[in-house]
Amino acid sequence: MAKKGKEKNTQNKAKHTKLINRKKNKLRKEKEARAERLKAIIKKANEQK
């Protein structure tokens, strides 16, 4: 039989998912920024040769 009444854990899960997604996006952006800085450093080093 189906449960009656209010759904229990949906809002908490939604908040958790939102926070996890925010964290993943932050890490992804930091990784991209690091890669860009590294490329710039490598390019500068190659120009000095």
N, C-alpha and C. Protein backbone atom coordinates (compact mmCIF):
# COMPACT_ATOMS: atom_id res chain seq x y z
N MET A 1 0.83 -1.20 0.00
CA MET A 1 0.00 0.00 0.00
C MET A 1 0.87 1.25 0.00
N ALA A 2 0.37 2.26 -0.65
CA ALA A 2 1.10 3.52 -0.71
C ALA A 2 1.01 4.25 0.63
N LYS A 3 2.02 5.04 0.89
CA LYS A 3 2.01 5.82 2.13
C LYS A 3 1.05 6.99 2.02
N LYS A 4 0.46 7.34 3.13
CA LYS A 4 -0.42 8.50 3.15
C LYS A 4 0.29 9.66 3.83
N GLY A 5 -0.12 10.88 3.52
CA GLY A 5 0.43 12.04 4.22
C GLY A 5 1.55 12.70 3.44
N LYS A 6 2.29 13.53 4.17
CA LYS A 6 3.34 14.36 3.57
C LYS A 6 4.55 13.52 3.18
N GLU A 7 5.16 13.89 2.04
CA GLU A 7 6.40 13.23 1.63
C GLU A 7 7.48 13.63 2.61
N LYS A 8 8.29 12.66 3.00
CA LYS A 8 9.19 12.91 4.12
C LYS A 8 10.44 13.68 3.74
N ASN A 9 11.27 13.10 2.92
CA ASN A 9 12.65 13.56 2.85
C ASN A 9 12.98 14.35 1.58
N THR A 10 12.00 14.85 0.88
CA THR A 10 12.28 15.42 -0.44
C THR A 10 12.99 16.76 -0.37
N GLN A 11 12.63 17.63 0.55
CA GLN A 11 13.26 18.95 0.59
C GLN A 11 14.72 18.84 1.01
N ASN A 12 14.99 17.99 1.97
CA ASN A 12 16.36 17.81 2.41
C ASN A 12 17.23 17.31 1.27
N LYS A 13 16.70 16.35 0.50
CA LYS A 13 17.45 15.82 -0.63
C LYS A 13 17.70 16.90 -1.67
N ALA A 14 16.69 17.74 -1.91
CA ALA A 14 16.83 18.80 -2.90
C ALA A 14 17.92 19.79 -2.47
N LYS A 15 17.93 20.15 -1.19
CA LYS A 15 18.97 21.07 -0.69
C LYS A 15 20.34 20.44 -0.81
N HIS A 16 20.43 19.16 -0.46
CA HIS A 16 21.70 18.46 -0.52
C HIS A 16 22.22 18.41 -1.95
N THR A 17 21.33 18.09 -2.88
CA THR A 17 21.71 18.04 -4.29
C THR A 17 22.20 19.39 -4.77
N LYS A 18 21.49 20.45 -4.37
CA LYS A 18 21.88 21.80 -4.76
C LYS A 18 23.28 22.12 -4.25
N LEU A 19 23.54 21.79 -2.99
CA LEU A 19 24.86 22.07 -2.41
C LEU A 19 25.96 21.27 -3.10
N ILE A 20 25.67 20.00 -3.35
CA ILE A 20 26.67 19.15 -4.01
C ILE A 20 26.97 19.68 -5.41
N ASN A 21 25.93 20.09 -6.15
CA ASN A 21 26.14 20.64 -7.48
C ASN A 21 26.96 21.91 -7.43
N ARG A 22 26.68 22.76 -6.43
CA ARG A 22 27.44 23.99 -6.27
C ARG A 22 28.92 23.67 -6.04
N LYS A 23 29.17 22.68 -5.20
CA LYS A 23 30.54 22.28 -4.90
C LYS A 23 31.24 21.74 -6.15
N LYS A 24 30.54 20.90 -6.92
CA LYS A 24 31.13 20.34 -8.14
C LYS A 24 31.46 21.44 -9.14
N ASN A 25 30.53 22.42 -9.29
CA ASN A 25 30.78 23.53 -10.21
C ASN A 25 31.99 24.33 -9.79
N LYS A 26 32.11 24.58 -8.49
CA LYS A 26 33.25 25.33 -7.96
C LYS A 26 34.55 24.61 -8.27
N LEU A 27 34.59 23.31 -8.02
CA LEU A 27 35.80 22.53 -8.29
C LEU A 27 36.13 22.53 -9.78
N ARG A 28 35.09 22.42 -10.62
CA ARG A 28 35.30 22.41 -12.06
C ARG A 28 35.90 23.74 -12.53
N LYS A 29 35.35 24.86 -12.01
CA LYS A 29 35.86 26.18 -12.39
C LYS A 29 37.29 26.37 -11.92
N GLU A 30 37.59 25.93 -10.70
CA GLU A 30 38.95 26.05 -10.20
C GLU A 30 39.92 25.24 -11.05
N LYS A 31 39.50 24.06 -11.46
CA LYS A 31 40.35 23.22 -12.29
C LYS A 31 40.62 23.89 -13.63
N GLU A 32 39.58 24.48 -14.24
CA GLU A 32 39.75 25.18 -15.52
C GLU A 32 40.67 26.38 -15.36
N ALA A 33 40.49 27.14 -14.27
CA ALA A 33 41.33 28.31 -14.03
C ALA A 33 42.79 27.90 -13.87
N ARG A 34 43.02 26.81 -13.14
CA ARG A 34 44.38 26.31 -12.95
C ARG A 34 45.00 25.94 -14.28
N ALA A 35 44.22 25.28 -15.14
CA ALA A 35 44.72 24.87 -16.45
C ALA A 35 45.06 26.10 -17.30
N GLU A 36 44.22 27.13 -17.24
CA GLU A 36 44.48 28.36 -17.99
C GLU A 36 45.77 29.02 -17.53
N ARG A 37 45.95 29.11 -16.21
CA ARG A 37 47.18 29.71 -15.68
C ARG A 37 48.41 28.91 -16.11
N LEU A 38 48.29 27.59 -16.08
CA LEU A 38 49.40 26.73 -16.48
C LEU A 38 49.74 26.94 -17.95
N LYS A 39 48.71 27.03 -18.79
CA LYS A 39 48.94 27.27 -20.21
C LYS A 39 49.65 28.60 -20.43
N ALA A 40 49.22 29.63 -19.68
CA ALA A 40 49.85 30.95 -19.82
C ALA A 40 51.32 30.90 -19.41
N ILE A 41 51.60 30.20 -18.33
CA ILE A 41 52.98 30.08 -17.86
C ILE A 41 53.84 29.34 -18.89
N ILE A 42 53.31 28.26 -19.43
CA ILE A 42 54.04 27.48 -20.43
C ILE A 42 54.29 28.31 -21.68
N LYS A 43 53.27 29.04 -22.11
CA LYS A 43 53.41 29.89 -23.30
C LYS A 43 54.48 30.95 -23.08
N LYS A 44 54.47 31.57 -21.91
CA LYS A 44 55.46 32.59 -21.59
C LYS A 44 56.87 32.00 -21.56
N ALA A 45 57.00 30.81 -21.00
CA ALA A 45 58.30 30.16 -20.92
C ALA A 45 58.81 29.81 -22.33
N ASN A 46 57.91 29.38 -23.21
CA ASN A 46 58.32 29.04 -24.56
C ASN A 46 58.72 30.27 -25.35
N GLU A 47 58.08 31.41 -25.07
CA GLU A 47 58.44 32.63 -25.78
C GLU A 47 59.82 33.13 -25.37
N GLN A 48 60.22 32.87 -24.15
CA GLN A 48 61.52 33.35 -23.67
C GLN A 48 62.67 32.54 -24.24
N LYS A 49 62.40 31.33 -24.72
CA LYS A 49 63.48 30.48 -25.28
C LYS A 49 64.04 31.03 -26.55
